[in-house]
N, C-alpha and C. Protein backbone atom coordinates (compact mmCIF):
# COMPACT_ATOMS: atom_id res chain seq x y z
N MET A 1 -19.86 -12.69 18.21
CA MET A 1 -20.58 -13.23 17.36
C MET A 1 -19.46 -12.86 16.08
N ARG A 2 -19.66 -14.05 15.28
CA ARG A 2 -18.81 -13.45 14.14
C ARG A 2 -19.23 -13.31 12.84
N ILE A 3 -18.88 -12.65 11.84
CA ILE A 3 -19.34 -12.17 10.54
C ILE A 3 -19.19 -13.78 9.81
N THR A 4 -19.99 -14.03 8.93
CA THR A 4 -20.10 -14.79 8.08
C THR A 4 -19.44 -14.65 6.87
N SER A 5 -18.72 -15.72 6.07
CA SER A 5 -18.11 -15.50 4.88
C SER A 5 -18.79 -14.81 3.94
N GLU A 6 -20.21 -15.15 3.69
CA GLU A 6 -20.79 -14.34 2.99
C GLU A 6 -21.04 -13.26 2.99
N LEU A 7 -21.68 -12.69 3.96
CA LEU A 7 -21.55 -11.20 4.09
C LEU A 7 -20.35 -10.57 4.29
N TRP A 8 -18.86 -11.14 4.52
CA TRP A 8 -17.85 -10.31 4.03
C TRP A 8 -17.53 -10.47 2.92
N VAL A 9 -17.52 -10.97 1.98
CA VAL A 9 -17.37 -11.35 0.59
C VAL A 9 -18.35 -10.43 -0.32
N LYS A 10 -19.55 -10.35 0.50
CA LYS A 10 -20.75 -9.12 -0.22
C LYS A 10 -20.00 -8.07 -0.04
N ALA A 11 -20.03 -7.86 1.43
CA ALA A 11 -19.37 -6.34 1.41
C ALA A 11 -17.87 -6.15 0.86
N PHE A 12 -16.98 -6.64 0.28
CA PHE A 12 -15.93 -6.79 -0.27
C PHE A 12 -15.60 -6.68 -1.74
N LEU A 13 -17.20 -7.52 -2.28
CA LEU A 13 -16.99 -6.92 -3.99
C LEU A 13 -17.57 -5.69 -3.95
N ARG A 14 -18.69 -5.29 -2.94
CA ARG A 14 -19.28 -4.03 -3.16
C ARG A 14 -18.42 -3.00 -2.73
N ARG A 15 -17.65 -2.58 -2.10
CA ARG A 15 -16.61 -1.91 -1.87
C ARG A 15 -15.74 -1.90 -3.07
N VAL A 16 -15.41 -2.92 -3.59
CA VAL A 16 -14.30 -2.83 -4.83
C VAL A 16 -15.04 -2.23 -6.18
N MET A 17 -16.32 -2.66 -6.14
CA MET A 17 -16.95 -1.94 -7.12
C MET A 17 -17.46 -0.79 -6.91
N ALA A 18 -17.63 -0.19 -5.85
CA ALA A 18 -17.49 1.25 -5.79
C ALA A 18 -16.58 2.33 -6.16
N ASP A 19 -15.35 1.46 -5.67
CA ASP A 19 -13.93 1.89 -6.46
C ASP A 19 -13.78 1.62 -7.74
N GLY A 20 -14.57 1.38 -8.54
CA GLY A 20 -14.56 1.18 -9.85
C GLY A 20 -13.90 -0.03 -10.67
N HIS A 21 -13.86 -0.96 -9.59
CA HIS A 21 -12.74 -2.21 -10.10
C HIS A 21 -13.38 -3.18 -10.74
N PHE A 22 -13.15 -4.36 -10.90
CA PHE A 22 -14.26 -5.42 -10.93
C PHE A 22 -13.70 -6.74 -9.90
N ALA A 23 -14.54 -7.13 -9.82
CA ALA A 23 -14.22 -8.67 -8.78
C ALA A 23 -15.42 -9.59 -9.01
N THR A 24 -15.20 -11.13 -8.90
CA THR A 24 -16.07 -12.19 -9.22
C THR A 24 -15.84 -12.72 -8.11
N VAL A 25 -16.86 -13.68 -7.93
CA VAL A 25 -16.56 -15.28 -7.00
C VAL A 25 -16.32 -16.13 -8.06
N VAL A 26 -15.10 -16.70 -7.71
CA VAL A 26 -14.95 -17.71 -9.04
C VAL A 26 -15.50 -19.32 -8.44
N ARG A 27 -15.30 -19.85 -7.04
CA ARG A 27 -15.98 -20.49 -6.47
C ARG A 27 -16.64 -20.33 -5.37
N HIS A 28 -17.98 -21.13 -4.94
CA HIS A 28 -18.45 -20.59 -3.87
C HIS A 28 -18.65 -22.15 -3.25
N GLY A 29 -18.19 -21.96 -1.46
CA GLY A 29 -18.22 -22.67 -0.78
C GLY A 29 -19.30 -22.74 0.51
N ASP A 30 -19.09 -23.18 1.39
CA ASP A 30 -20.26 -22.57 2.64
C ASP A 30 -20.10 -21.16 2.95
N ASN A 31 -21.66 -20.80 3.13
CA ASN A 31 -22.01 -19.49 3.35
C ASN A 31 -21.75 -19.00 4.97
N THR A 32 -21.32 -19.67 5.74
CA THR A 32 -20.70 -19.59 6.98
C THR A 32 -19.82 -19.13 7.75
N ALA A 33 -18.63 -20.11 6.95
CA ALA A 33 -17.27 -20.38 7.56
C ALA A 33 -16.78 -20.78 6.39
N GLY A 34 -15.04 -20.94 6.30
CA GLY A 34 -14.33 -21.38 5.24
C GLY A 34 -13.51 -20.55 4.84
N ALA A 35 -12.55 -20.94 3.91
CA ALA A 35 -11.18 -19.45 3.62
C ALA A 35 -11.51 -19.01 2.47
N ILE A 36 -11.23 -17.93 2.28
CA ILE A 36 -11.51 -16.84 1.61
C ILE A 36 -9.97 -16.35 0.96
N PHE A 37 -10.15 -17.27 -0.74
CA PHE A 37 -8.58 -16.34 -1.37
C PHE A 37 -8.75 -15.52 -2.34
N ILE A 38 -8.34 -14.33 -1.95
CA ILE A 38 -8.36 -13.03 -2.91
C ILE A 38 -6.84 -13.10 -3.96
N LYS A 39 -7.40 -12.81 -5.52
CA LYS A 39 -6.18 -12.93 -6.14
C LYS A 39 -6.59 -11.54 -6.49
N VAL A 40 -5.02 -10.77 -6.64
CA VAL A 40 -4.77 -9.50 -7.22
C VAL A 40 -4.65 -9.35 -8.52
N ILE A 41 -4.77 -9.12 -9.88
CA ILE A 41 -3.68 -8.85 -10.68
C ILE A 41 -4.20 -7.46 -10.62
N ARG A 42 -2.81 -7.01 -11.00
CA ARG A 42 -2.51 -5.34 -11.42
C ARG A 42 -2.35 -5.30 -12.93
């Protein structure tokens, strides 16, 4: 069983927000599969 893109992104956003940072989804594609691009600005 593979984890869906939607679940992975939701968990990642929750973790980032819990650490006191900001994150948002800029573009949304397929919920079940697809590429995930993360841009980090420091």
